[in-house]
Amino acid sequence: MSSKRICFVTTIPSTMFAFVLPQTLRLIQEGWQVTWVCGDEPGLRERTPVGVKFVGLPFKRGVDLFGIPKAMFLLYRLFRNERFPLVQYSTPNAAFYASTAAFLARVPIRLYAQWGLRYVGFSGLPRWFFKQFERWVCFCSTIIEPDSISNLNFSVKEGLYPISKGKVVGVGSAC
């Protein structure tokens, strides 16, 4: 089994095409085996680039309390069976599911593409609650790539993770 394997996880397919597609095409050119995991939709398999293994799971946007355990279990089973050396995840729900499942499955490199902080727009109990989710995702991750230096500094100040865990790529950007 090749060590040059990566699994990208997002909640919805449009994130894959908007943010992950350029990386995917480059990695395939360099001999990587790439797997995409996200919510399924009609026609998605036909639009997925040649050379990408697609796994559609029942992910939903927003708070889906009943879907959380199922999504985590399905991801855990996928990660244990495939033994990916590297899993990258982004978007709030997918990051929560994937970081937890990858942590439990002992995936060696768990990369969180931190493309924004959901809890910042909330106040009171919702802010506290979603901050705990973010803190958990960061705890389960081995590497965190925030989309800007200001988000890295903010996250460290907020106590989400130590600066040694975070790294901004280039000058930053979700792309």
N, C-alpha and C. Protein backbone atom coordinates (compact mmCIF):
# COMPACT_ATOMS: atom_id res chain seq x y z
N MET A 1 0.84 -1.17 0.00
CA MET A 1 0.00 0.00 0.00
C MET A 1 0.89 1.24 0.00
N SER A 2 0.62 2.16 -0.89
CA SER A 2 1.43 3.37 -1.04
C SER A 2 1.30 4.28 0.19
N SER A 3 2.40 4.89 0.58
CA SER A 3 2.36 5.84 1.69
C SER A 3 1.92 7.21 1.19
N LYS A 4 1.86 7.39 -0.12
CA LYS A 4 1.44 8.66 -0.69
C LYS A 4 -0.06 8.61 -0.94
N ARG A 5 -0.80 8.61 0.18
CA ARG A 5 -2.26 8.56 0.12
C ARG A 5 -2.81 9.64 1.04
N ILE A 6 -3.85 10.29 0.58
CA ILE A 6 -4.48 11.35 1.36
C ILE A 6 -5.99 11.23 1.21
N CYS A 7 -6.68 11.56 2.28
CA CYS A 7 -8.14 11.60 2.28
C CYS A 7 -8.57 13.01 2.67
N PHE A 8 -9.33 13.66 1.79
CA PHE A 8 -9.89 14.97 2.07
C PHE A 8 -11.34 14.79 2.52
N VAL A 9 -11.73 15.48 3.58
CA VAL A 9 -13.09 15.38 4.09
C VAL A 9 -13.69 16.78 4.23
N THR A 10 -14.85 17.00 3.60
CA THR A 10 -15.63 18.22 3.78
C THR A 10 -17.10 17.82 3.89
N THR A 11 -17.92 18.74 4.30
CA THR A 11 -19.34 18.43 4.46
C THR A 11 -20.04 18.36 3.11
N ILE A 12 -19.81 19.36 2.26
CA ILE A 12 -20.54 19.43 1.00
C ILE A 12 -19.58 19.43 -0.20
N PRO A 13 -20.04 18.90 -1.33
CA PRO A 13 -19.18 18.80 -2.51
C PRO A 13 -18.66 20.12 -3.04
N SER A 14 -19.43 21.19 -2.94
CA SER A 14 -18.97 22.47 -3.51
C SER A 14 -17.66 22.92 -2.87
N THR A 15 -17.42 22.56 -1.61
CA THR A 15 -16.15 22.90 -0.96
C THR A 15 -15.00 22.17 -1.63
N MET A 16 -15.22 20.92 -2.00
CA MET A 16 -14.18 20.15 -2.70
C MET A 16 -13.79 20.84 -4.00
N PHE A 17 -14.80 21.23 -4.76
CA PHE A 17 -14.52 21.83 -6.06
C PHE A 17 -13.96 23.25 -5.93
N ALA A 18 -14.37 24.00 -4.92
CA ALA A 18 -13.90 25.37 -4.77
C ALA A 18 -12.51 25.46 -4.15
N PHE A 19 -12.19 24.58 -3.19
CA PHE A 19 -10.96 24.74 -2.43
C PHE A 19 -9.97 23.58 -2.54
N VAL A 20 -10.44 22.38 -2.80
CA VAL A 20 -9.58 21.19 -2.74
C VAL A 20 -9.17 20.70 -4.13
N LEU A 21 -9.93 21.02 -5.14
CA LEU A 21 -9.65 20.52 -6.50
C LEU A 21 -8.24 20.84 -6.99
N PRO A 22 -7.74 22.07 -6.87
CA PRO A 22 -6.38 22.33 -7.37
C PRO A 22 -5.31 21.47 -6.67
N GLN A 23 -5.43 21.33 -5.34
CA GLN A 23 -4.50 20.46 -4.61
C GLN A 23 -4.60 19.03 -5.12
N THR A 24 -5.82 18.57 -5.31
CA THR A 24 -6.07 17.20 -5.74
C THR A 24 -5.38 16.91 -7.06
N LEU A 25 -5.58 17.79 -8.03
CA LEU A 25 -5.00 17.58 -9.36
C LEU A 25 -3.48 17.55 -9.29
N ARG A 26 -2.90 18.42 -8.48
CA ARG A 26 -1.44 18.46 -8.32
C ARG A 26 -0.94 17.17 -7.66
N LEU A 27 -1.63 16.73 -6.63
CA LEU A 27 -1.22 15.51 -5.92
C LEU A 27 -1.31 14.28 -6.83
N ILE A 28 -2.34 14.22 -7.64
CA ILE A 28 -2.47 13.09 -8.58
C ILE A 28 -1.31 13.09 -9.56
N GLN A 29 -0.94 14.27 -10.07
CA GLN A 29 0.22 14.37 -10.98
C GLN A 29 1.50 13.88 -10.31
N GLU A 30 1.60 14.07 -9.01
CA GLU A 30 2.79 13.67 -8.27
C GLU A 30 2.71 12.24 -7.74
N GLY A 31 1.71 11.48 -8.20
CA GLY A 31 1.62 10.07 -7.86
C GLY A 31 0.88 9.73 -6.58
N TRP A 32 0.12 10.67 -6.04
CA TRP A 32 -0.65 10.41 -4.82
C TRP A 32 -1.95 9.71 -5.17
N GLN A 33 -2.42 8.89 -4.24
CA GLN A 33 -3.76 8.31 -4.31
C GLN A 33 -4.66 9.21 -3.46
N VAL A 34 -5.67 9.79 -4.08
CA VAL A 34 -6.52 10.78 -3.42
C VAL A 34 -7.93 10.23 -3.25
N THR A 35 -8.46 10.41 -2.04
CA THR A 35 -9.84 10.04 -1.74
C THR A 35 -10.58 11.29 -1.28
N TRP A 36 -11.77 11.50 -1.81
CA TRP A 36 -12.64 12.58 -1.37
C TRP A 36 -13.79 11.98 -0.59
N VAL A 37 -14.09 12.54 0.56
CA VAL A 37 -15.25 12.13 1.36
C VAL A 37 -16.08 13.37 1.64
N CYS A 38 -17.34 13.32 1.23
CA CYS A 38 -18.27 14.42 1.51
C CYS A 38 -19.68 13.93 1.29
N GLY A 39 -20.64 14.80 1.52
CA GLY A 39 -22.02 14.45 1.26
C GLY A 39 -22.21 14.17 -0.22
N ASP A 40 -23.07 13.22 -0.51
CA ASP A 40 -23.31 12.82 -1.90
C ASP A 40 -24.46 13.65 -2.47
N GLU A 41 -24.44 13.83 -3.77
CA GLU A 41 -25.54 14.48 -4.48
C GLU A 41 -25.60 13.94 -5.89
N PRO A 42 -26.74 14.03 -6.55
CA PRO A 42 -26.86 13.49 -7.91
C PRO A 42 -25.83 14.09 -8.86
N GLY A 43 -25.19 13.23 -9.64
CA GLY A 43 -24.22 13.66 -10.64
C GLY A 43 -22.83 13.94 -10.10
N LEU A 44 -22.64 13.82 -8.82
CA LEU A 44 -21.34 14.15 -8.23
C LEU A 44 -20.25 13.18 -8.66
N ARG A 45 -20.56 11.91 -8.68
CA ARG A 45 -19.55 10.91 -9.06
C ARG A 45 -19.04 11.16 -10.48
N GLU A 46 -19.91 11.61 -11.35
CA GLU A 46 -19.51 11.88 -12.73
C GLU A 46 -18.63 13.13 -12.82
N ARG A 47 -18.79 14.08 -11.90
CA ARG A 47 -18.00 15.32 -11.90
C ARG A 47 -16.68 15.17 -11.16
N THR A 48 -16.54 14.11 -10.39
CA THR A 48 -15.31 13.90 -9.62
C THR A 48 -14.15 13.63 -10.59
N PRO A 49 -13.00 14.27 -10.40
CA PRO A 49 -11.88 14.10 -11.32
C PRO A 49 -11.43 12.64 -11.45
N VAL A 50 -10.95 12.31 -12.64
CA VAL A 50 -10.40 10.98 -12.89
C VAL A 50 -9.23 10.77 -11.94
N GLY A 51 -9.18 9.60 -11.34
CA GLY A 51 -8.10 9.27 -10.42
C GLY A 51 -8.44 9.52 -8.97
N VAL A 52 -9.60 10.12 -8.69
CA VAL A 52 -10.02 10.38 -7.31
C VAL A 52 -11.04 9.32 -6.91
N LYS A 53 -10.78 8.69 -5.77
CA LYS A 53 -11.77 7.77 -5.20
C LYS A 53 -12.75 8.63 -4.41
N PHE A 54 -14.04 8.46 -4.70
CA PHE A 54 -15.07 9.25 -4.03
C PHE A 54 -15.86 8.36 -3.07
N VAL A 55 -16.06 8.87 -1.85
CA VAL A 55 -16.89 8.19 -0.86
C VAL A 55 -17.94 9.18 -0.40
N GLY A 56 -19.19 8.90 -0.72
CA GLY A 56 -20.29 9.76 -0.30
C GLY A 56 -20.86 9.28 1.02
N LEU A 57 -20.94 10.19 1.97
CA LEU A 57 -21.49 9.87 3.29
C LEU A 57 -22.64 10.83 3.60
N PRO A 58 -23.53 10.44 4.51
CA PRO A 58 -24.71 11.28 4.81
C PRO A 58 -24.38 12.47 5.70
N PHE A 59 -23.61 13.42 5.18
CA PHE A 59 -23.27 14.63 5.92
C PHE A 59 -24.31 15.70 5.63
N LYS A 60 -24.60 16.50 6.64
CA LYS A 60 -25.51 17.63 6.47
C LYS A 60 -24.88 18.87 7.06
N ARG A 61 -25.25 20.02 6.52
CA ARG A 61 -24.80 21.29 7.10
C ARG A 61 -25.70 21.60 8.29
N GLY A 62 -25.20 22.45 9.18
CA GLY A 62 -25.98 22.84 10.35
C GLY A 62 -25.85 21.80 11.46
N VAL A 63 -26.60 22.01 12.51
CA VAL A 63 -26.57 21.10 13.66
C VAL A 63 -27.43 19.89 13.34
N ASP A 64 -26.83 18.72 13.38
CA ASP A 64 -27.51 17.46 13.07
C ASP A 64 -27.19 16.46 14.18
N LEU A 65 -27.81 16.63 15.34
CA LEU A 65 -27.47 15.83 16.51
C LEU A 65 -27.60 14.32 16.26
N PHE A 66 -28.61 13.91 15.50
CA PHE A 66 -28.80 12.48 15.26
C PHE A 66 -27.82 11.93 14.23
N GLY A 67 -27.32 12.81 13.34
CA GLY A 67 -26.39 12.37 12.31
C GLY A 67 -24.95 12.29 12.77
N ILE A 68 -24.62 12.96 13.88
CA ILE A 68 -23.23 13.00 14.35
C ILE A 68 -22.66 11.62 14.63
N PRO A 69 -23.32 10.81 15.46
CA PRO A 69 -22.73 9.48 15.76
C PRO A 69 -22.58 8.61 14.51
N LYS A 70 -23.55 8.67 13.62
CA LYS A 70 -23.48 7.86 12.40
C LYS A 70 -22.32 8.31 11.52
N ALA A 71 -22.18 9.61 11.33
CA ALA A 71 -21.08 10.14 10.49
C ALA A 71 -19.73 9.76 11.09
N MET A 72 -19.60 9.91 12.39
CA MET A 72 -18.32 9.57 13.04
C MET A 72 -18.01 8.09 12.91
N PHE A 73 -19.02 7.25 13.09
CA PHE A 73 -18.80 5.81 12.97
C PHE A 73 -18.38 5.43 11.56
N LEU A 74 -19.07 5.98 10.55
CA LEU A 74 -18.74 5.67 9.16
C LEU A 74 -17.33 6.13 8.81
N LEU A 75 -16.95 7.30 9.28
CA LEU A 75 -15.59 7.79 9.03
C LEU A 75 -14.56 6.94 9.78
N TYR A 76 -14.84 6.61 11.01
CA TYR A 76 -13.91 5.77 11.78
C TYR A 76 -13.68 4.45 11.05
N ARG A 77 -14.75 3.83 10.61
CA ARG A 77 -14.64 2.56 9.90
C ARG A 77 -13.83 2.72 8.60
N LEU A 78 -14.08 3.80 7.87
CA LEU A 78 -13.33 4.08 6.64
C LEU A 78 -11.85 4.26 6.95
N PHE A 79 -11.53 5.07 7.96
CA PHE A 79 -10.14 5.34 8.30
C PHE A 79 -9.42 4.09 8.79
N ARG A 80 -10.10 3.26 9.55
CA ARG A 80 -9.48 2.02 10.04
C ARG A 80 -9.24 1.03 8.89
N ASN A 81 -10.19 0.94 7.98
CA ASN A 81 -10.06 0.00 6.86
C ASN A 81 -9.02 0.47 5.84
N GLU A 82 -9.00 1.75 5.54
CA GLU A 82 -8.11 2.28 4.51
C GLU A 82 -6.71 2.59 5.03
N ARG A 83 -6.60 2.82 6.32
CA ARG A 83 -5.31 3.14 6.96
C ARG A 83 -4.59 4.30 6.26
N PHE A 84 -5.30 5.37 6.09
CA PHE A 84 -4.69 6.57 5.49
C PHE A 84 -3.58 7.08 6.39
N PRO A 85 -2.43 7.45 5.83
CA PRO A 85 -1.40 8.08 6.64
C PRO A 85 -1.72 9.56 6.91
N LEU A 86 -2.62 10.14 6.08
CA LEU A 86 -2.92 11.57 6.17
C LEU A 86 -4.39 11.81 5.85
N VAL A 87 -5.06 12.50 6.75
CA VAL A 87 -6.44 12.92 6.52
C VAL A 87 -6.49 14.43 6.72
N GLN A 88 -7.05 15.14 5.74
CA GLN A 88 -7.24 16.59 5.85
C GLN A 88 -8.73 16.86 5.88
N TYR A 89 -9.15 17.73 6.77
CA TYR A 89 -10.57 18.05 6.89
C TYR A 89 -10.74 19.54 7.06
N SER A 90 -11.93 19.98 6.67
CA SER A 90 -12.28 21.40 6.78
C SER A 90 -13.80 21.47 6.91
N THR A 91 -14.31 22.63 7.06
CA THR A 91 -15.71 22.95 7.32
C THR A 91 -16.10 22.41 8.70
N PRO A 92 -16.91 23.16 9.44
CA PRO A 92 -17.16 22.84 10.85
C PRO A 92 -17.64 21.41 11.14
N ASN A 93 -18.69 20.97 10.48
CA ASN A 93 -19.20 19.62 10.78
C ASN A 93 -18.22 18.54 10.38
N ALA A 94 -17.71 18.61 9.17
CA ALA A 94 -16.77 17.59 8.70
C ALA A 94 -15.51 17.57 9.57
N ALA A 95 -15.06 18.74 10.00
CA ALA A 95 -13.87 18.79 10.86
C ALA A 95 -14.14 18.10 12.19
N PHE A 96 -15.31 18.30 12.74
CA PHE A 96 -15.66 17.65 14.01
C PHE A 96 -15.73 16.13 13.84
N TYR A 97 -16.45 15.68 12.80
CA TYR A 97 -16.58 14.23 12.56
C TYR A 97 -15.22 13.60 12.27
N ALA A 98 -14.51 14.21 11.32
CA ALA A 98 -13.27 13.60 10.83
C ALA A 98 -12.15 13.66 11.86
N SER A 99 -12.03 14.76 12.58
CA SER A 99 -10.96 14.84 13.59
C SER A 99 -11.16 13.79 14.67
N THR A 100 -12.39 13.62 15.10
CA THR A 100 -12.69 12.64 16.14
C THR A 100 -12.43 11.23 15.63
N ALA A 101 -12.97 10.92 14.46
CA ALA A 101 -12.82 9.57 13.89
C ALA A 101 -11.35 9.26 13.59
N ALA A 102 -10.62 10.24 13.03
CA ALA A 102 -9.21 10.02 12.71
C ALA A 102 -8.37 9.86 13.97
N PHE A 103 -8.69 10.62 15.02
CA PHE A 103 -8.01 10.50 16.30
C PHE A 103 -8.22 9.09 16.86
N LEU A 104 -9.47 8.63 16.87
CA LEU A 104 -9.78 7.30 17.40
C LEU A 104 -9.18 6.18 16.54
N ALA A 105 -9.10 6.41 15.22
CA ALA A 105 -8.54 5.41 14.31
C ALA A 105 -7.01 5.48 14.26
N ARG A 106 -6.44 6.41 15.00
CA ARG A 106 -4.99 6.60 15.08
C ARG A 106 -4.35 6.93 13.73
N VAL A 107 -5.01 7.76 12.96
CA VAL A 107 -4.41 8.25 11.72
C VAL A 107 -3.20 9.10 12.13
N PRO A 108 -2.03 8.81 11.57
CA PRO A 108 -0.81 9.51 12.02
C PRO A 108 -0.81 11.03 11.82
N ILE A 109 -1.27 11.50 10.65
CA ILE A 109 -1.30 12.94 10.38
C ILE A 109 -2.74 13.35 10.16
N ARG A 110 -3.21 14.22 11.07
CA ARG A 110 -4.60 14.70 11.03
C ARG A 110 -4.53 16.22 10.85
N LEU A 111 -4.72 16.65 9.61
CA LEU A 111 -4.52 18.04 9.23
C LEU A 111 -5.85 18.78 9.16
N TYR A 112 -5.97 19.80 9.98
CA TYR A 112 -7.19 20.61 10.02
C TYR A 112 -6.96 21.88 9.22
N ALA A 113 -7.67 22.03 8.11
CA ALA A 113 -7.65 23.27 7.33
C ALA A 113 -8.67 24.20 7.96
N GLN A 114 -8.20 25.06 8.84
CA GLN A 114 -9.07 25.93 9.63
C GLN A 114 -9.43 27.16 8.81
N TRP A 115 -10.51 27.05 8.07
CA TRP A 115 -10.93 28.11 7.16
C TRP A 115 -11.99 29.00 7.79
N GLY A 116 -11.72 29.51 8.95
CA GLY A 116 -12.67 30.38 9.65
C GLY A 116 -13.08 29.75 10.97
N LEU A 117 -13.61 30.58 11.83
CA LEU A 117 -14.01 30.14 13.17
C LEU A 117 -15.50 30.43 13.35
N ARG A 118 -16.29 29.40 13.34
CA ARG A 118 -17.74 29.53 13.38
C ARG A 118 -18.23 30.24 14.63
N TYR A 119 -17.64 29.95 15.76
CA TYR A 119 -18.18 30.46 17.02
C TYR A 119 -18.03 31.97 17.19
N VAL A 120 -17.14 32.60 16.45
CA VAL A 120 -16.86 34.02 16.63
C VAL A 120 -18.11 34.87 16.41
N GLY A 121 -18.99 34.45 15.52
CA GLY A 121 -20.21 35.21 15.24
C GLY A 121 -21.31 35.03 16.26
N PHE A 122 -21.11 34.19 17.26
CA PHE A 122 -22.13 33.92 18.26
C PHE A 122 -21.81 34.63 19.57
N SER A 123 -22.78 34.65 20.47
CA SER A 123 -22.56 35.19 21.81
C SER A 123 -23.23 34.26 22.82
N GLY A 124 -22.84 34.43 24.07
CA GLY A 124 -23.47 33.66 25.14
C GLY A 124 -23.18 32.17 25.05
N LEU A 125 -24.19 31.37 25.37
CA LEU A 125 -24.06 29.91 25.40
C LEU A 125 -23.70 29.31 24.03
N PRO A 126 -24.33 29.76 22.93
CA PRO A 126 -23.92 29.21 21.63
C PRO A 126 -22.43 29.44 21.33
N ARG A 127 -21.93 30.62 21.69
CA ARG A 127 -20.51 30.90 21.47
C ARG A 127 -19.65 29.93 22.27
N TRP A 128 -19.97 29.75 23.53
CA TRP A 128 -19.21 28.82 24.39
C TRP A 128 -19.27 27.40 23.82
N PHE A 129 -20.47 26.97 23.44
CA PHE A 129 -20.68 25.61 22.93
C PHE A 129 -19.85 25.36 21.68
N PHE A 130 -19.94 26.24 20.70
CA PHE A 130 -19.21 26.04 19.45
C PHE A 130 -17.71 26.25 19.61
N LYS A 131 -17.31 27.04 20.59
CA LYS A 131 -15.89 27.18 20.88
C LYS A 131 -15.34 25.85 21.42
N GLN A 132 -16.13 25.15 22.21
CA GLN A 132 -15.70 23.84 22.73
C GLN A 132 -15.54 22.83 21.59
N PHE A 133 -16.45 22.89 20.62
CA PHE A 133 -16.32 22.04 19.43
C PHE A 133 -15.01 22.34 18.72
N GLU A 134 -14.71 23.62 18.53
CA GLU A 134 -13.48 24.04 17.85
C GLU A 134 -12.25 23.58 18.64
N ARG A 135 -12.31 23.75 19.94
CA ARG A 135 -11.20 23.33 20.79
C ARG A 135 -10.98 21.81 20.66
N TRP A 136 -12.07 21.05 20.60
CA TRP A 136 -11.96 19.59 20.46
C TRP A 136 -11.32 19.22 19.12
N VAL A 137 -11.76 19.85 18.04
CA VAL A 137 -11.19 19.58 16.72
C VAL A 137 -9.69 19.86 16.74
N CYS A 138 -9.30 20.96 17.34
CA CYS A 138 -7.88 21.32 17.42
C CYS A 138 -7.10 20.33 18.27
N PHE A 139 -7.69 19.86 19.35
CA PHE A 139 -7.04 18.86 20.20
C PHE A 139 -6.78 17.57 19.42
N CYS A 140 -7.75 17.14 18.63
CA CYS A 140 -7.63 15.88 17.88
C CYS A 140 -6.71 15.99 16.67
N SER A 141 -6.39 17.20 16.26
CA SER A 141 -5.57 17.42 15.06
C SER A 141 -4.09 17.44 15.41
N THR A 142 -3.26 16.93 14.49
CA THR A 142 -1.81 16.99 14.70
C THR A 142 -1.21 18.25 14.09
N ILE A 143 -1.84 18.77 13.04
CA ILE A 143 -1.40 20.00 12.37
C ILE A 143 -2.64 20.83 12.08
N ILE A 144 -2.52 22.14 12.29
CA ILE A 144 -3.63 23.04 11.99
C ILE A 144 -3.11 24.12 11.05
N GLU A 145 -3.80 24.29 9.93
CA GLU A 145 -3.44 25.31 8.95
C GLU A 145 -4.54 26.35 8.88
N PRO A 146 -4.45 27.41 9.71
CA PRO A 146 -5.43 28.49 9.61
C PRO A 146 -5.24 29.24 8.30
N ASP A 147 -6.30 29.93 7.86
CA ASP A 147 -6.21 30.59 6.55
C ASP A 147 -5.53 31.96 6.60
N SER A 148 -5.09 32.40 7.77
CA SER A 148 -4.37 33.67 7.85
C SER A 148 -3.55 33.73 9.14
N ILE A 149 -2.59 34.63 9.15
CA ILE A 149 -1.79 34.82 10.35
C ILE A 149 -2.65 35.40 11.47
N SER A 150 -3.60 36.27 11.12
CA SER A 150 -4.47 36.82 12.16
C SER A 150 -5.33 35.73 12.79
N ASN A 151 -5.81 34.76 12.00
CA ASN A 151 -6.57 33.65 12.58
C ASN A 151 -5.67 32.75 13.44
N LEU A 152 -4.43 32.56 13.04
CA LEU A 152 -3.49 31.79 13.85
C LEU A 152 -3.29 32.48 15.20
N ASN A 153 -3.00 33.77 15.17
CA ASN A 153 -2.78 34.51 16.41
C ASN A 153 -4.03 34.54 17.28
N PHE A 154 -5.19 34.71 16.67
CA PHE A 154 -6.46 34.72 17.41
C PHE A 154 -6.69 33.36 18.07
N SER A 155 -6.47 32.28 17.33
CA SER A 155 -6.69 30.94 17.86
C SER A 155 -5.78 30.63 19.03
N VAL A 156 -4.54 31.04 18.93
CA VAL A 156 -3.58 30.84 20.03
C VAL A 156 -4.01 31.65 21.24
N LYS A 157 -4.40 32.90 21.01
CA LYS A 157 -4.86 33.77 22.10
C LYS A 157 -6.11 33.21 22.78
N GLU A 158 -6.99 32.61 21.98
CA GLU A 158 -8.22 32.02 22.50
C GLU A 158 -7.97 30.68 23.22
N GLY A 159 -6.75 30.17 23.11
CA GLY A 159 -6.42 28.91 23.76
C GLY A 159 -6.92 27.68 23.02
N LEU A 160 -7.15 27.82 21.70
CA LEU A 160 -7.63 26.67 20.92
C LEU A 160 -6.52 25.65 20.69
N TYR A 161 -5.29 26.14 20.52
CA TYR A 161 -4.13 25.27 20.33
C TYR A 161 -2.85 26.07 20.53
N PRO A 162 -1.74 25.37 20.80
CA PRO A 162 -0.47 26.09 20.95
C PRO A 162 0.06 26.51 19.58
N ILE A 163 0.83 27.56 19.56
CA ILE A 163 1.37 28.08 18.29
C ILE A 163 2.18 27.02 17.55
N SER A 164 2.80 26.10 18.27
CA SER A 164 3.61 25.06 17.63
C SER A 164 2.78 24.12 16.75
N LYS A 165 1.47 24.07 16.97
CA LYS A 165 0.60 23.19 16.19
C LYS A 165 0.08 23.87 14.92
N GLY A 166 0.15 25.20 14.87
CA GLY A 166 -0.41 25.94 13.75
C GLY A 166 0.65 26.40 12.76
N LYS A 167 0.26 26.43 11.49
CA LYS A 167 1.17 26.86 10.43
C LYS A 167 0.34 27.46 9.31
N VAL A 168 0.64 28.70 8.95
CA VAL A 168 -0.03 29.35 7.83
C VAL A 168 0.79 29.04 6.58
N VAL A 169 0.14 28.57 5.54
CA VAL A 169 0.82 28.25 4.29
C VAL A 169 0.96 29.52 3.47
N GLY A 170 2.18 29.81 3.07
CA GLY A 170 2.44 31.02 2.28
C GLY A 170 2.01 32.27 3.04
N VAL A 171 1.22 33.10 2.39
CA VAL A 171 0.69 34.31 3.03
C VAL A 171 -0.73 34.09 3.53
N GLY A 172 -1.20 32.86 3.41
CA GLY A 172 -2.54 32.51 3.88
C GLY A 172 -3.56 32.56 2.77
N SER A 173 -4.67 31.85 2.97
CA SER A 173 -5.80 31.77 2.04
C SER A 173 -6.39 30.38 2.16
N ALA A 174 -7.69 30.30 2.06
CA ALA A 174 -8.32 28.97 2.07
C ALA A 174 -7.99 28.21 0.80
N CYS A 175 -7.71 28.91 -0.28
CA CYS A 175 -7.36 28.24 -1.54
C CYS A 175 -5.95 27.70 -1.49
